[in-house]
Amino acid sequence: MLLYELTAPAQEDLKEIARYTVTEWGEKQSLHYAESLEKRFCEIAARTAYSRSFSKRYPQVLVSRCKNIITYFTSIKKLNHLALLQFCMRE
């Protein structure tokens, strides 16, 4: 059972990241990158990843970084899972 849930926009972001990585650096690098992201998502779900609050206005939204990807997420404690909200590519 997954400890986290991706929103539909997050799923689309991941697909676009995979396509871009394959185009720029090849399939092997894309798979390596996907494994790194999966590991980070599991760390976020287990609450072992470094994260910080997004803002004072939205303290329930947390931010964590993995390589060049910024992940915005929130914890839904009753359901014991995370909703990964959005990814942003860092230049």
Protein backbone atom coordinates (compact mmCIF):
# COMPACT_ATOMS: atom_id res chain seq x y z
CA MET A 1 0.00 0.00 0.00
CA LEU A 2 1.34 3.43 -0.95
CA LEU A 3 1.91 5.79 1.91
CA TYR A 4 1.24 8.77 -0.30
CA GLU A 5 -1.22 9.87 -2.95
CA LEU A 6 -0.38 11.94 -6.01
CA THR A 7 -2.85 14.56 -7.17
CA ALA A 8 -3.75 14.46 -10.87
CA PRO A 9 -1.62 17.56 -11.65
CA ALA A 10 1.32 16.01 -9.77
CA GLN A 11 0.97 12.83 -11.86
CA GLU A 12 1.05 14.93 -15.03
CA ASP A 13 4.08 16.84 -13.75
CA LEU A 14 5.91 13.55 -13.16
CA LYS A 15 5.08 12.33 -16.67
CA GLU A 16 6.43 15.58 -18.13
CA ILE A 17 9.57 15.36 -15.99
CA ALA A 18 10.12 11.78 -17.22
CA ARG A 19 9.66 12.77 -20.87
CA TYR A 20 12.02 15.71 -20.48
CA THR A 21 14.66 13.62 -18.71
CA VAL A 22 14.53 10.89 -21.37
CA THR A 23 14.89 13.49 -24.13
CA GLU A 24 17.75 15.37 -22.47
CA TRP A 25 19.70 12.60 -20.69
CA GLY A 26 18.31 9.23 -21.77
CA GLU A 27 16.20 6.43 -20.36
CA LYS A 28 18.79 5.19 -17.85
CA GLN A 29 19.02 8.62 -16.21
CA SER A 30 15.24 8.95 -16.26
CA LEU A 31 14.88 5.67 -14.35
CA HIS A 32 17.55 6.74 -11.85
CA TYR A 33 15.74 10.05 -11.35
CA ALA A 34 12.40 8.28 -10.89
CA GLU A 35 13.94 6.01 -8.24
CA SER A 36 15.31 9.06 -6.40
CA LEU A 37 11.90 10.73 -6.43
CA GLU A 38 10.15 7.55 -5.26
CA LYS A 39 12.61 7.27 -2.38
CA ARG A 40 11.99 10.91 -1.42
CA PHE A 41 8.21 10.44 -1.54
CA CYS A 42 8.52 7.47 0.81
CA GLU A 43 10.72 9.54 3.13
CA ILE A 44 8.13 12.32 3.09
CA ALA A 45 5.37 9.81 3.88
CA ALA A 46 7.46 8.31 6.70
CA ARG A 47 8.16 11.86 7.91
CA THR A 48 11.92 11.35 7.73
CA ALA A 49 12.62 13.79 4.86
CA TYR A 50 13.74 17.32 5.59
CA SER A 51 10.85 19.69 4.97
CA ARG A 52 9.72 23.14 5.97
CA SER A 53 6.47 25.04 6.09
CA PHE A 54 5.56 26.72 2.79
CA SER A 55 4.45 29.97 4.41
CA LYS A 56 2.95 31.49 7.53
CA ARG A 57 -0.34 31.79 5.68
CA TYR A 58 -0.39 28.07 4.73
CA PRO A 59 1.53 26.28 7.51
CA GLN A 60 -0.17 22.97 6.64
CA VAL A 61 1.56 22.94 3.25
CA LEU A 62 5.12 21.66 3.48
CA VAL A 63 8.00 21.83 1.02
CA SER A 64 10.80 19.34 0.37
CA ARG A 65 13.47 19.19 -2.33
CA CYS A 66 14.85 16.20 -4.24
CA LYS A 67 17.49 17.06 -6.82
CA ASN A 68 15.94 19.85 -8.94
CA ILE A 69 12.35 19.10 -7.98
CA ILE A 70 10.50 21.02 -5.29
CA THR A 71 7.62 19.00 -3.82
CA TYR A 72 4.72 20.72 -2.10
CA PHE A 73 2.69 18.42 0.10
CA THR A 74 0.32 18.23 3.02
CA SER A 75 -0.19 15.55 5.61
CA ILE A 76 -3.66 14.20 6.23
CA LYS A 77 -3.13 12.60 9.63
CA LYS A 78 -6.52 10.87 9.88
CA LEU A 79 -5.82 8.95 6.67
CA ASN A 80 -2.08 8.58 7.37
CA HIS A 81 -1.04 9.54 3.86
CA LEU A 82 0.37 12.49 2.01
CA ALA A 83 -1.10 14.36 -0.91
CA LEU A 84 1.72 15.53 -3.16
CA LEU A 85 0.40 18.73 -4.57
CA GLN A 86 2.76 20.11 -7.18
CA PHE A 87 6.29 19.94 -8.55
CA CYS A 88 8.41 22.80 -9.79
CA MET A 89 11.56 22.43 -11.85
CA ARG A 90 14.48 24.42 -10.47
CA GLU A 91 16.81 25.98 -12.98
